[in-house]
Amino acid sequence: MKNRNKYITGFLIGLINSLIGACGGIITVAALKKDGMEQNKAHANAIAVILPLSIISAIFYHINGFASVKDTLIFLPGGIAGAIAGGILLPKIPQKILKKIFAVFIIWAGIRMVLR
């Protein structure tokens, strides 16, 4: 029964990540923490879960004409630099602080989405 819930959660993560283009990681972190994983590890594992989901979604979006490689390439250098910085910083951030940063980001993202 426990694995069934994880499959359902995984399905919802993939669906939401693909439909909205975000929030999959937030749900993944919450699910991993609920399963007993530490905050830092939950964030790192969420990235590992979201990467293949995002690649699959991007392929479908590209095939259907919603995404353009040309339009997205401009973001890659900064995104790669940010990913490297995040990978270096994540293990150094105490869990309590990371939890607060994560909460502030979720609130900011929610407010931003409501106001737009």
PDB file of N, CA and C in Angstrom:
ATOM      1  N   MET A   1       0.826  -1.206   0.000  1.00  0.00           N
ATOM      2  CA  MET A   1       0.000   0.000   0.000  1.00  0.00           C
ATOM      3  C   MET A   1       0.862   1.259   0.000  1.00  0.00           C
ATOM      4  N   LYS A   2       1.981   1.206   0.719  1.00  0.00           N
ATOM      5  CA  LYS A   2       2.840   2.372   0.818  1.00  0.00           C
ATOM      6  C   LYS A   2       3.437   2.737  -0.549  1.00  0.00           C
ATOM      7  N   ASN A   3       3.860   1.733  -1.324  1.00  0.00           N
ATOM      8  CA  ASN A   3       4.410   1.998  -2.651  1.00  0.00           C
ATOM      9  C   ASN A   3       3.350   2.558  -3.591  1.00  0.00           C
ATOM     10  N   ARG A   4       2.121   2.096  -3.441  1.00  0.00           N
ATOM     11  CA  ARG A   4       1.030   2.601  -4.286  1.00  0.00           C
ATOM     12  C   ARG A   4       0.870   4.109  -4.105  1.00  0.00           C
ATOM     13  N   ASN A   5       0.930   4.571  -2.870  1.00  0.00           N
ATOM     14  CA  ASN A   5       0.830   6.005  -2.590  1.00  0.00           C
ATOM     15  C   ASN A   5       1.988   6.762  -3.227  1.00  0.00           C
ATOM     16  N   LYS A   6       3.170   6.167  -3.230  1.00  0.00           N
ATOM     17  CA  LYS A   6       4.331   6.815  -3.845  1.00  0.00           C
ATOM     18  C   LYS A   6       4.163   6.905  -5.353  1.00  0.00           C
ATOM     19  N   TYR A   7       3.583   5.883  -5.972  1.00  0.00           N
ATOM     20  CA  TYR A   7       3.329   5.934  -7.412  1.00  0.00           C
ATOM     21  C   TYR A   7       2.313   7.023  -7.746  1.00  0.00           C
ATOM     22  N   ILE A   8       1.290   7.136  -6.919  1.00  0.00           N
ATOM     23  CA  ILE A   8       0.279   8.175  -7.125  1.00  0.00           C
ATOM     24  C   ILE A   8       0.903   9.551  -6.938  1.00  0.00           C
ATOM     25  N   THR A   9       1.725   9.706  -5.888  1.00  0.00           N
ATOM     26  CA  THR A   9       2.413  10.973  -5.657  1.00  0.00           C
ATOM     27  C   THR A   9       3.326  11.292  -6.834  1.00  0.00           C
ATOM     28  N   GLY A  10       4.067  10.303  -7.316  1.00  0.00           N
ATOM     29  CA  GLY A  10       4.938  10.500  -8.477  1.00  0.00           C
ATOM     30  C   GLY A  10       4.163  10.940  -9.706  1.00  0.00           C
ATOM     31  N   PHE A  11       2.998  10.319  -9.930  1.00  0.00           N
ATOM     32  CA  PHE A  11       2.141  10.702 -11.057  1.00  0.00           C
ATOM     33  C   PHE A  11       1.718  12.168 -10.926  1.00  0.00           C
ATOM     34  N   LEU A  12       1.294  12.556  -9.722  1.00  0.00           N
ATOM     35  CA  LEU A  12       0.862  13.941  -9.499  1.00  0.00           C
ATOM     36  C   LEU A  12       2.017  14.924  -9.681  1.00  0.00           C
ATOM     37  N   ILE A  13       3.201  14.534  -9.224  1.00  0.00           N
ATOM     38  CA  ILE A  13       4.379  15.389  -9.392  1.00  0.00           C
ATOM     39  C   ILE A  13       4.655  15.602 -10.877  1.00  0.00           C
ATOM     40  N   GLY A  14       4.653  14.520 -11.646  1.00  0.00           N
ATOM     41  CA  GLY A  14       4.895  14.623 -13.079  1.00  0.00           C
ATOM     42  C   GLY A  14       3.828  15.444 -13.786  1.00  0.00           C
ATOM     43  N   LEU A  15       2.574  15.217 -13.435  1.00  0.00           N
ATOM     44  CA  LEU A  15       1.461  15.939 -14.043  1.00  0.00           C
ATOM     45  C   LEU A  15       1.545  17.433 -13.758  1.00  0.00           C
ATOM     46  N   ILE A  16       1.724  17.781 -12.495  1.00  0.00           N
ATOM     47  CA  ILE A  16       1.777  19.192 -12.102  1.00  0.00           C
ATOM     48  C   ILE A  16       3.005  19.871 -12.698  1.00  0.00           C
ATOM     49  N   ASN A  17       4.151  19.199 -12.654  1.00  0.00           N
ATOM     50  CA  ASN A  17       5.375  19.769 -13.212  1.00  0.00           C
ATOM     51  C   ASN A  17       5.196  20.034 -14.709  1.00  0.00           C
ATOM     52  N   SER A  18       4.545  19.122 -15.405  1.00  0.00           N
ATOM     53  CA  SER A  18       4.350  19.272 -16.837  1.00  0.00           C
ATOM     54  C   SER A  18       3.308  20.332 -17.173  1.00  0.00           C
ATOM     55  N   LEU A  19       2.208  20.372 -16.432  1.00  0.00           N
ATOM     56  CA  LEU A  19       1.142  21.325 -16.721  1.00  0.00           C
ATOM     57  C   LEU A  19       1.509  22.757 -16.345  1.00  0.00           C
ATOM     58  N   ILE A  20       2.122  22.920 -15.198  1.00  0.00           N
ATOM     59  CA  ILE A  20       2.388  24.257 -14.676  1.00  0.00           C
ATOM     60  C   ILE A  20       3.803  24.723 -14.992  1.00  0.00           C
ATOM     61  N   GLY A  21       4.719  23.789 -15.171  1.00  0.00           N
ATOM     62  CA  GLY A  21       6.105  24.147 -15.435  1.00  0.00           C
ATOM     63  C   GLY A  21       6.864  24.449 -14.158  1.00  0.00           C
ATOM     64  N   ALA A  22       6.251  24.189 -13.056  1.00  0.00           N
ATOM     65  CA  ALA A  22       6.857  24.426 -11.747  1.00  0.00           C
ATOM     66  C   ALA A  22       6.045  23.665 -10.719  1.00  0.00           C
ATOM     67  N   CYS A  23       6.395  23.806  -9.501  1.00  0.00           N
ATOM     68  CA  CYS A  23       5.689  23.211  -8.362  1.00  0.00           C
ATOM     69  C   CYS A  23       5.936  21.716  -8.193  1.00  0.00           C
ATOM     70  N   GLY A  24       6.398  21.038  -9.224  1.00  0.00           N
ATOM     71  CA  GLY A  24       6.718  19.621  -9.074  1.00  0.00           C
ATOM     72  C   GLY A  24       7.781  19.412  -8.016  1.00  0.00           C
ATOM     73  N   GLY A  25       8.784  20.293  -8.015  1.00  0.00           N
ATOM     74  CA  GLY A  25       9.856  20.203  -7.027  1.00  0.00           C
ATOM     75  C   GLY A  25       9.362  20.475  -5.621  1.00  0.00           C
ATOM     76  N   ILE A  26       8.448  21.414  -5.506  1.00  0.00           N
ATOM     77  CA  ILE A  26       7.894  21.737  -4.191  1.00  0.00           C
ATOM     78  C   ILE A  26       7.147  20.534  -3.623  1.00  0.00           C
ATOM     79  N   ILE A  27       6.346  19.908  -4.461  1.00  0.00           N
ATOM     80  CA  ILE A  27       5.592  18.732  -4.025  1.00  0.00           C
ATOM     81  C   ILE A  27       6.540  17.577  -3.719  1.00  0.00           C
ATOM     82  N   THR A  28       7.589  17.441  -4.532  1.00  0.00           N
ATOM     83  CA  THR A  28       8.561  16.367  -4.311  1.00  0.00           C
ATOM     84  C   THR A  28       9.264  16.550  -2.977  1.00  0.00           C
ATOM     85  N   VAL A  29       9.700  17.765  -2.675  1.00  0.00           N
ATOM     86  CA  VAL A  29      10.362  18.034  -1.392  1.00  0.00           C
ATOM     87  C   VAL A  29       9.420  17.688  -0.246  1.00  0.00           C
ATOM     88  N   ALA A  30       8.183  18.128  -0.344  1.00  0.00           N
ATOM     89  CA  ALA A  30       7.214  17.842   0.721  1.00  0.00           C
ATOM     90  C   ALA A  30       7.004  16.336   0.888  1.00  0.00           C
ATOM     91  N   ALA A  31       6.883  15.614  -0.229  1.00  0.00           N
ATOM     92  CA  ALA A  31       6.664  14.163  -0.154  1.00  0.00           C
ATOM     93  C   ALA A  31       7.877  13.450   0.447  1.00  0.00           C
ATOM     94  N   LEU A  32       9.071  13.869   0.056  1.00  0.00           N
ATOM     95  CA  LEU A  32      10.283  13.234   0.587  1.00  0.00           C
ATOM     96  C   LEU A  32      10.454  13.538   2.078  1.00  0.00           C
ATOM     97  N   LYS A  33      10.145  14.763   2.481  1.00  0.00           N
ATOM     98  CA  LYS A  33      10.224  15.108   3.904  1.00  0.00           C
ATOM     99  C   LYS A  33       9.195  14.327   4.702  1.00  0.00           C
ATOM    100  N   LYS A  34       7.998  14.165   4.156  1.00  0.00           N
ATOM    101  CA  LYS A  34       6.963  13.393   4.836  1.00  0.00           C
ATOM    102  C   LYS A  34       7.401  11.942   5.017  1.00  0.00           C
ATOM    103  N   ASP A  35       8.200  11.475   4.073  1.00  0.00           N
ATOM    104  CA  ASP A  35       8.716  10.107   4.122  1.00  0.00           C
ATOM    105  C   ASP A  35       9.916   9.982   5.073  1.00  0.00           C
ATOM    106  N   GLY A  36      10.317  11.108   5.699  1.00  0.00           N
ATOM    107  CA  GLY A  36      11.365  11.075   6.708  1.00  0.00           C
ATOM    108  C   GLY A  36      12.733  11.542   6.255  1.00  0.00           C
ATOM    109  N   MET A  37      12.835  12.081   5.056  1.00  0.00           N
ATOM    110  CA  MET A  37      14.132  12.523   4.550  1.00  0.00           C
ATOM    111  C   MET A  37      14.482  13.902   5.109  1.00  0.00           C
ATOM    112  N   GLU A  38      15.772  14.141   5.355  1.00  0.00           N
ATOM    113  CA  GLU A  38      16.231  15.441   5.832  1.00  0.00           C
ATOM    114  C   GLU A  38      15.988  16.501   4.759  1.00  0.00           C
ATOM    115  N   GLN A  39      15.858  17.759   5.204  1.00  0.00           N
ATOM    116  CA  GLN A  39      15.560  18.879   4.306  1.00  0.00           C
ATOM    117  C   GLN A  39      16.554  18.962   3.152  1.00  0.00           C
ATOM    118  N   ASN A  40      17.854  18.983   3.437  1.00  0.00           N
ATOM    119  CA  ASN A  40      18.868  19.132   2.390  1.00  0.00           C
ATOM    120  C   ASN A  40      18.796  17.982   1.390  1.00  0.00           C
ATOM    121  N   LYS A  41      18.654  16.767   1.897  1.00  0.00           N
ATOM    122  CA  LYS A  41      18.584  15.604   1.012  1.00  0.00           C
ATOM    123  C   LYS A  41      17.300  15.612   0.192  1.00  0.00           C
ATOM    124  N   ALA A  42      16.218  16.085   0.784  1.00  0.00           N
ATOM    125  CA  ALA A  42      14.948  16.161   0.050  1.00  0.00           C
ATOM    126  C   ALA A  42      15.072  17.117  -1.132  1.00  0.00           C
ATOM    127  N   HIS A  43      15.745  18.243  -0.937  1.00  0.00           N
ATOM    128  CA  HIS A  43      15.939  19.198  -2.030  1.00  0.00           C
ATOM    129  C   HIS A  43      16.803  18.589  -3.126  1.00  0.00           C
ATOM    130  N   ALA A  44      17.891  17.946  -2.746  1.00  0.00           N
ATOM    131  CA  ALA A  44      18.784  17.328  -3.727  1.00  0.00           C
ATOM    132  C   ALA A  44      18.071  16.218  -4.495  1.00  0.00           C
ATOM    133  N   ASN A  45      17.316  15.398  -3.799  1.00  0.00           N
ATOM    134  CA  ASN A  45      16.598  14.310  -4.461  1.00  0.00           C
ATOM    135  C   ASN A  45      15.447  14.828  -5.325  1.00  0.00           C
ATOM    136  N   ALA A  46      14.854  15.933  -4.927  1.00  0.00           N
ATOM    137  CA  ALA A  46      13.781  16.519  -5.741  1.00  0.00           C
ATOM    138  C   ALA A  46      14.327  16.923  -7.110  1.00  0.00           C
ATOM    139  N   ILE A  47      15.530  17.468  -7.129  1.00  0.00           N
ATOM    140  CA  ILE A  47      16.155  17.835  -8.405  1.00  0.00           C
ATOM    141  C   ILE A  47      16.351  16.596  -9.263  1.00  0.00           C
ATOM    142  N   ALA A  48      16.793  15.511  -8.633  1.00  0.00           N
ATOM    143  CA  ALA A  48      17.007  14.258  -9.365  1.00  0.00           C
ATOM    144  C   ALA A  48      15.699  13.712  -9.933  1.00  0.00           C
ATOM    145  N   VAL A  49      14.588  13.954  -9.244  1.00  0.00           N
ATOM    146  CA  VAL A  49      13.284  13.506  -9.727  1.00  0.00           C
ATOM    147  C   VAL A  49      12.789  14.420 -10.848  1.00  0.00           C
ATOM    148  N   ILE A  50      12.936  15.713 -10.669  1.00  0.00           N
ATOM    149  CA  ILE A  50      12.383  16.687 -11.608  1.00  0.00           C
ATOM    150  C   ILE A  50      13.147  16.722 -12.926  1.00  0.00           C
ATOM    151  N   LEU A  51      14.440  16.454 -12.917  1.00  0.00           N
ATOM    152  CA  LEU A  51      15.228  16.526 -14.156  1.00  0.00           C
ATOM    153  C   LEU A  51      14.641  15.658 -15.273  1.00  0.00           C
ATOM    154  N   PRO A  52      14.464  14.348 -15.064  1.00  0.00           N
ATOM    155  CA  PRO A  52      13.899  13.566 -16.172  1.00  0.00           C
ATOM    156  C   PRO A  52      12.466  13.966 -16.534  1.00  0.00           C
ATOM    157  N   LEU A  53      11.687  14.373 -15.536  1.00  0.00           N
ATOM    158  CA  LEU A  53      10.315  14.815 -15.818  1.00  0.00           C
ATOM    159  C   LEU A  53      10.318  16.068 -16.688  1.00  0.00           C
ATOM    160  N   SER A  54      11.225  16.979 -16.384  1.00  0.00           N
ATOM    161  CA  SER A  54      11.320  18.222 -17.153  1.00  0.00           C
ATOM    162  C   SER A  54      11.809  17.959 -18.572  1.00  0.00           C
ATOM    163  N   ILE A  55      12.742  17.041 -18.719  1.00  0.00           N
ATOM    164  CA  ILE A  55      13.236  16.698 -20.062  1.00  0.00           C
ATOM    165  C   ILE A  55      12.101  16.111 -20.906  1.00  0.00           C
ATOM    166  N   ILE A  56      11.355  15.195 -20.339  1.00  0.00           N
ATOM    167  CA  ILE A  56      10.232  14.577 -21.063  1.00  0.00           C
ATOM    168  C   ILE A  56       9.192  15.631 -21.426  1.00  0.00           C
ATOM    169  N   SER A  57       8.854  16.503 -20.471  1.00  0.00           N
ATOM    170  CA  SER A  57       7.885  17.571 -20.751  1.00  0.00           C
ATOM    171  C   SER A  57       8.398  18.494 -21.850  1.00  0.00           C
ATOM    172  N   ALA A  58       9.675  18.849 -21.789  1.00  0.00           N
ATOM    173  CA  ALA A  58      10.261  19.748 -22.793  1.00  0.00           C
ATOM    174  C   ALA A  58      10.195  19.133 -24.189  1.00  0.00           C
ATOM    175  N   ILE A  59      10.433  17.841 -24.279  1.00  0.00           N
ATOM    176  CA  ILE A  59      10.346  17.159 -25.580  1.00  0.00           C
ATOM    177  C   ILE A  59       8.929  17.268 -26.136  1.00  0.00           C
ATOM    178  N   PHE A  60       7.942  16.985 -25.304  1.00  0.00           N
ATOM    179  CA  PHE A  60       6.552  17.078 -25.761  1.00  0.00           C
ATOM    180  C   PHE A  60       6.175  18.515 -26.130  1.00  0.00           C
ATOM    181  N   TYR A  61       6.613  19.480 -25.328  1.00  0.00           N
ATOM    182  CA  TYR A  61       6.326  20.881 -25.637  1.00  0.00           C
ATOM    183  C   TYR A  61       6.980  21.280 -26.954  1.00  0.00           C
ATOM    184  N   HIS A  62       8.207  20.842 -27.184  1.00  0.00           N
ATOM    185  CA  HIS A  62       8.917  21.160 -28.427  1.00  0.00           C
ATOM    186  C   HIS A  62       8.209  20.524 -29.630  1.00  0.00           C
ATOM    187  N   ILE A  63       7.840  19.256 -29.503  1.00  0.00           N
ATOM    188  CA  ILE A  63       7.142  18.551 -30.588  1.00  0.00           C
ATOM    189  C   ILE A  63       5.837  19.255 -30.945  1.00  0.00           C
ATOM    190  N   ASN A  64       5.145  19.769 -29.939  1.00  0.00           N
ATOM    191  CA  ASN A  64       3.852  20.426 -30.159  1.00  0.00           C
ATOM    192  C   ASN A  64       3.972  21.917 -30.453  1.00  0.00           C
ATOM    193  N   GLY A  65       5.207  22.415 -30.570  1.00  0.00           N
ATOM    194  CA  GLY A  65       5.410  23.815 -30.957  1.00  0.00           C
ATOM    195  C   GLY A  65       5.294  24.829 -29.841  1.00  0.00           C
ATOM    196  N   PHE A  66       5.264  24.385 -28.598  1.00  0.00           N
ATOM    197  CA  PHE A  66       5.154  25.320 -27.471  1.00  0.00           C
ATOM    198  C   PHE A  66       6.508  25.795 -26.952  1.00  0.00           C
ATOM    199  N   ALA A  67       7.565  25.053 -27.226  1.00  0.00           N
ATOM    200  CA  ALA A  67       8.899  25.407 -26.732  1.00  0.00           C
ATOM    201  C   ALA A  67       9.855  25.499 -27.911  1.00  0.00           C
ATOM    202  N   SER A  68      10.760  26.454 -27.828  1.00  0.00           N
ATOM    203  CA  SER A  68      11.752  26.663 -28.875  1.00  0.00           C
ATOM    204  C   SER A  68      13.143  26.583 -28.257  1.00  0.00           C
ATOM    205  N   VAL A  69      13.983  25.763 -28.841  1.00  0.00           N
ATOM    206  CA  VAL A  69      15.359  25.644 -28.349  1.00  0.00           C
ATOM    207  C   VAL A  69      16.041  27.009 -28.420  1.00  0.00           C
ATOM    208  N   LYS A  70      15.826  27.719 -29.515  1.00  0.00           N
ATOM    209  CA  LYS A  70      16.437  29.050 -29.691  1.00  0.00           C
ATOM    210  C   LYS A  70      16.051  30.003 -28.558  1.00  0.00           C
ATOM    211  N   ASP A  71      14.782  29.988 -28.184  1.00  0.00           N
ATOM    212  CA  ASP A  71      14.313  30.897 -27.137  1.00  0.00           C
ATOM    213  C   ASP A  71      14.815  30.522 -25.744  1.00  0.00           C
ATOM    214  N   THR A  72      15.125  29.271 -25.535  1.00  0.00           N
ATOM    215  CA  THR A  72      15.551  28.838 -24.204  1.00  0.00           C
ATOM    216  C   THR A  72      17.062  28.877 -23.999  1.00  0.00           C
ATOM    217  N   LEU A  73      17.821  28.861 -25.073  1.00  0.00           N
ATOM    218  CA  LEU A  73      19.284  28.825 -24.950  1.00  0.00           C
ATOM    219  C   LEU A  73      19.864  30.016 -24.195  1.00  0.00           C
ATOM    220  N   ILE A  74      19.227  31.166 -24.286  1.00  0.00           N
ATOM    221  CA  ILE A  74      19.728  32.365 -23.619  1.00  0.00           C
ATOM    222  C   ILE A  74      19.781  32.203 -22.097  1.00  0.00           C
ATOM    223  N   PHE A  75      18.940  31.326 -21.556  1.00  0.00           N
ATOM    224  CA  PHE A  75      18.888  31.126 -20.109  1.00  0.00           C
ATOM    225  C   PHE A  75      19.876  30.070 -19.606  1.00  0.00           C
ATOM    226  N   LEU A  76      20.419  29.271 -20.508  1.00  0.00           N
ATOM    227  CA  LEU A  76      21.280  28.166 -20.081  1.00  0.00           C
ATOM    228  C   LEU A  76      22.565  28.580 -19.364  1.00  0.00           C
ATOM    229  N   PRO A  77      23.334  29.548 -19.850  1.00  0.00           N
ATOM    230  CA  PRO A  77      24.574  29.885 -19.123  1.00  0.00           C
ATOM    231  C   PRO A  77      24.325  30.297 -17.672  1.00  0.00           C
ATOM    232  N   GLY A  78      23.364  31.177 -17.453  1.00  0.00           N
ATOM    233  CA  GLY A  78      23.036  31.595 -16.094  1.00  0.00           C
ATOM    234  C   GLY A  78      22.448  30.459 -15.281  1.00  0.00           C
ATOM    235  N   GLY A  79      21.616  29.648 -15.913  1.00  0.00           N
ATOM    236  CA  GLY A  79      21.021  28.505 -15.229  1.00  0.00           C
ATOM    237  C   GLY A  79      22.060  27.486 -14.803  1.00  0.00           C
ATOM    238  N   ILE A  80      23.020  27.224 -15.667  1.00  0.00           N
ATOM    239  CA  ILE A  80      24.100  26.287 -15.332  1.00  0.00           C
ATOM    240  C   ILE A  80      24.940  26.844 -14.190  1.00  0.00           C
ATOM    241  N   ALA A  81      25.271  28.136 -14.261  1.00  0.00           N
ATOM    242  CA  ALA A  81      26.054  28.761 -13.184  1.00  0.00           C
ATOM    243  C   ALA A  81      25.280  28.698 -11.859  1.00  0.00           C
ATOM    244  N   GLY A  82      23.991  28.969 -11.908  1.00  0.00           N
ATOM    245  CA  GLY A  82      23.173  28.900 -10.703  1.00  0.00           C
ATOM    246  C   GLY A  82      23.074  27.484 -10.157  1.00  0.00           C
ATOM    247  N   ALA A  83      22.980  26.506 -11.047  1.00  0.00           N
ATOM    248  CA  ALA A  83      22.916  25.107 -10.613  1.00  0.00           C
ATOM    249  C   ALA A  83      24.217  24.683  -9.928  1.00  0.00           C
ATOM    250  N   ILE A  84      25.323  25.118 -10.475  1.00  0.00           N
ATOM    251  CA  ILE A  84      26.622  24.810  -9.850  1.00  0.00           C
ATOM    252  C   ILE A  84      26.705  25.469  -8.475  1.00  0.00           C
ATOM    253  N   ALA A  85      26.332  26.739  -8.405  1.00  0.00           N
ATOM    254  CA  ALA A  85      26.362  27.449  -7.117  1.00  0.00           C
ATOM    255  C   ALA A  85      25.436  26.784  -6.109  1.00  0.00           C
ATOM    256  N   GLY A  86      24.245  26.407  -6.548  1.00  0.00           N
ATOM    257  CA  GLY A  86      23.304  25.740  -5.654  1.00  0.00           C
ATOM    258  C   GLY A  86      23.821  24.400  -5.173  1.00  0.00           C
ATOM    259  N   GLY A  87      24.436  23.645  -6.068  1.00  0.00           N
ATOM    260  CA  GLY A  87      25.009  22.347  -5.692  1.00  0.00           C
ATOM    261  C   GLY A  87      26.128  22.477  -4.677  1.00  0.00           C
ATOM    262  N   ILE A  88      26.891  23.557  -4.783  1.00  0.00           N
ATOM    263  CA  ILE A  88      27.980  23.803  -3.829  1.00  0.00           C
ATOM    264  C   ILE A  88      27.421  24.300  -2.492  1.00  0.00           C
ATOM    265  N   LEU A  89      26.405  25.171  -2.552  1.00  0.00           N
ATOM    266  CA  LEU A  89      25.864  25.787  -1.335  1.00  0.00           C
ATOM    267  C   LEU A  89      24.932  24.876  -0.538  1.00  0.00           C
ATOM    268  N   LEU A  90      24.155  24.042  -1.207  1.00  0.00           N
ATOM    269  CA  LEU A  90      23.143  23.244  -0.514  1.00  0.00           C
ATOM    270  C   LEU A  90      23.677  22.468   0.688  1.00  0.00           C
ATOM    271  N   PRO A  91      24.796  21.746   0.548  1.00  0.00           N
ATOM    272  CA  PRO A  91      25.278  20.993   1.720  1.00  0.00           C
ATOM    273  C   PRO A  91      25.744  21.886   2.875  1.00  0.00           C
ATOM    274  N   LYS A  92      26.002  23.156   2.588  1.00  0.00           N
ATOM    275  CA  LYS A  92      26.525  24.066   3.609  1.00  0.00           C
ATOM    276  C   LYS A  92      25.433  24.833   4.345  1.00  0.00           C
ATOM    277  N   ILE A  93      24.214  24.782   3.845  1.00  0.00           N
ATOM    278  CA  ILE A  93      23.121  25.537   4.454  1.00  0.00           C
ATOM    279  C   ILE A  93      22.454  24.683   5.526  1.00  0.00           C
ATOM    280  N   PRO A  94      22.392  25.184   6.760  1.00  0.00           N
ATOM    281  CA  PRO A  94      21.699  24.430   7.818  1.00  0.00           C
ATOM    282  C   PRO A  94      20.234  24.185   7.457  1.00  0.00           C
ATOM    283  N   GLN A  95      19.714  23.054   7.886  1.00  0.00           N
ATOM    284  CA  GLN A  95      18.345  22.661   7.543  1.00  0.00           C
ATOM    285  C   GLN A  95      17.312  23.702   7.946  1.00  0.00           C
ATOM    286  N   LYS A  96      17.468  24.286   9.130  1.00  0.00           N
ATOM    287  CA  LYS A  96      16.496  25.285   9.591  1.00  0.00           C
ATOM    288  C   LYS A  96      16.448  26.489   8.652  1.00  0.00           C
ATOM    289  N   ILE A  97      17.620  26.936   8.205  1.00  0.00           N
ATOM    290  CA  ILE A  97      17.675  28.093   7.306  1.00  0.00           C
ATOM    291  C   ILE A  97      17.122  27.712   5.937  1.00  0.00           C
ATOM    292  N   LEU A  98      17.489  26.533   5.445  1.00  0.00           N
ATOM    293  CA  LEU A  98      16.987  26.076   4.151  1.00  0.00           C
ATOM    294  C   LEU A  98      15.466  25.968   4.163  1.00  0.00           C
ATOM    295  N   LYS A  99      14.930  25.484   5.258  1.00  0.00           N
ATOM    296  CA  LYS A  99      13.476  25.360   5.403  1.00  0.00           C
ATOM    297  C   LYS A  99      12.811  26.735   5.308  1.00  0.00           C
ATOM    298  N   LYS A 100      13.421  27.746   5.929  1.00  0.00           N
ATOM    299  CA  LYS A 100      12.871  29.100   5.890  1.00  0.00           C
ATOM    300  C   LYS A 100      12.996  29.714   4.499  1.00  0.00           C
ATOM    301  N   ILE A 101      14.129  29.507   3.857  1.00  0.00           N
ATOM    302  CA  ILE A 101      14.313  30.001   2.486  1.00  0.00           C
ATOM    303  C   ILE A 101      13.267  29.381   1.570  1.00  0.00           C
ATOM    304  N   PHE A 102      13.066  28.081   1.715  1.00  0.00           N
ATOM    305  CA  PHE A 102      12.097  27.356   0.903  1.00  0.00           C
ATOM    306  C   PHE A 102      10.687  27.900   1.137  1.00  0.00           C
ATOM    307  N   ALA A 103      10.333  28.143   2.391  1.00  0.00           N
ATOM    308  CA  ALA A 103       9.006  28.674   2.732  1.00  0.00           C
ATOM    309  C   ALA A 103       8.807  30.066   2.139  1.00  0.00           C
ATOM    310  N   VAL A 104       9.822  30.925   2.253  1.00  0.00           N
ATOM    311  CA  VAL A 104       9.725  32.278   1.696  1.00  0.00           C
ATOM    312  C   VAL A 104       9.543  32.201   0.178  1.00  0.00           C
ATOM    313  N   PHE A 105      10.286  31.319  -0.470  1.00  0.00           N
ATOM    314  CA  PHE A 105      10.162  31.174  -1.915  1.00  0.00           C
ATOM    315  C   PHE A 105       8.761  30.712  -2.301  1.00  0.00           C
ATOM    316  N   ILE A 106       8.219  29.753  -1.590  1.00  0.00           N
ATOM    317  CA  ILE A 106       6.875  29.255  -1.896  1.00  0.00           C
ATOM    318  C   ILE A 106       5.852  30.378  -1.739  1.00  0.00           C
ATOM    319  N   ILE A 107       5.960  31.137  -0.664  1.00  0.00           N
ATOM    320  CA  ILE A 107       5.024  32.251  -0.434  1.00  0.00           C
ATOM    321  C   ILE A 107       5.178  33.299  -1.535  1.00  0.00           C
ATOM    322  N   TRP A 108       6.412  33.666  -1.855  1.00  0.00           N
ATOM    323  CA  TRP A 108       6.677  34.657  -2.910  1.00  0.00           C
ATOM    324  C   TRP A 108       6.106  34.174  -4.246  1.00  0.00           C
ATOM    325  N   ALA A 109       6.368  32.917  -4.594  1.00  0.00           N
ATOM    326  CA  ALA A 109       5.879  32.371  -5.863  1.00  0.00           C
ATOM    327  C   ALA A 109       4.354  32.372  -5.894  1.00  0.00           C
ATOM    328  N   GLY A 110       3.719  32.006  -4.778  1.00  0.00           N
ATOM    329  CA  GLY A 110       2.262  31.980  -4.716  1.00  0.00           C
ATOM    330  C   GLY A 110       1.665  33.352  -4.881  1.00  0.00           C
ATOM    331  N   ILE A 111       2.210  34.328  -4.187  1.00  0.00           N
ATOM    332  CA  ILE A 111       1.719  35.713  -4.298  1.00  0.00           C
ATOM    333  C   ILE A 111       1.889  36.223  -5.727  1.00  0.00           C
ATOM    334  N   ARG A 112       3.050  35.948  -6.301  1.00  0.00           N
ATOM    335  CA  ARG A 112       3.353  36.385  -7.667  1.00  0.00           C
ATOM    336  C   ARG A 112       2.355  35.776  -8.666  1.00  0.00           C
ATOM    337  N   MET A 113       2.054  34.497  -8.482  1.00  0.00           N
ATOM    338  CA  MET A 113       1.117  33.838  -9.393  1.00  0.00           C
ATOM    339  C   MET A 113      -0.306  34.399  -9.252  1.00  0.00           C
ATOM    340  N   VAL A 114      -0.703  34.700  -8.040  1.00  0.00           N
ATOM    341  CA  VAL A 114      -2.057  35.229  -7.799  1.00  0.00           C
ATOM    342  C   VAL A 114      -2.177  36.635  -8.405  1.00  0.00           C
ATOM    343  N   LEU A 115      -1.137  37.429  -8.285  1.00  0.00           N
ATOM    344  CA  LEU A 115      -1.199  38.815  -8.743  1.00  0.00           C
ATOM    345  C   LEU A 115      -1.046  38.959 -10.258  1.00  0.00           C
ATOM    346  N   ARG A 116      -0.579  37.946 -10.923  1.00  0.00           N
ATOM    347  CA  ARG A 116      -0.399  38.055 -12.381  1.00  0.00           C
ATOM    348  C   ARG A 116      -1.561  37.527 -13.098  1.00  0.00           C
TER     349      ARG A 116
END
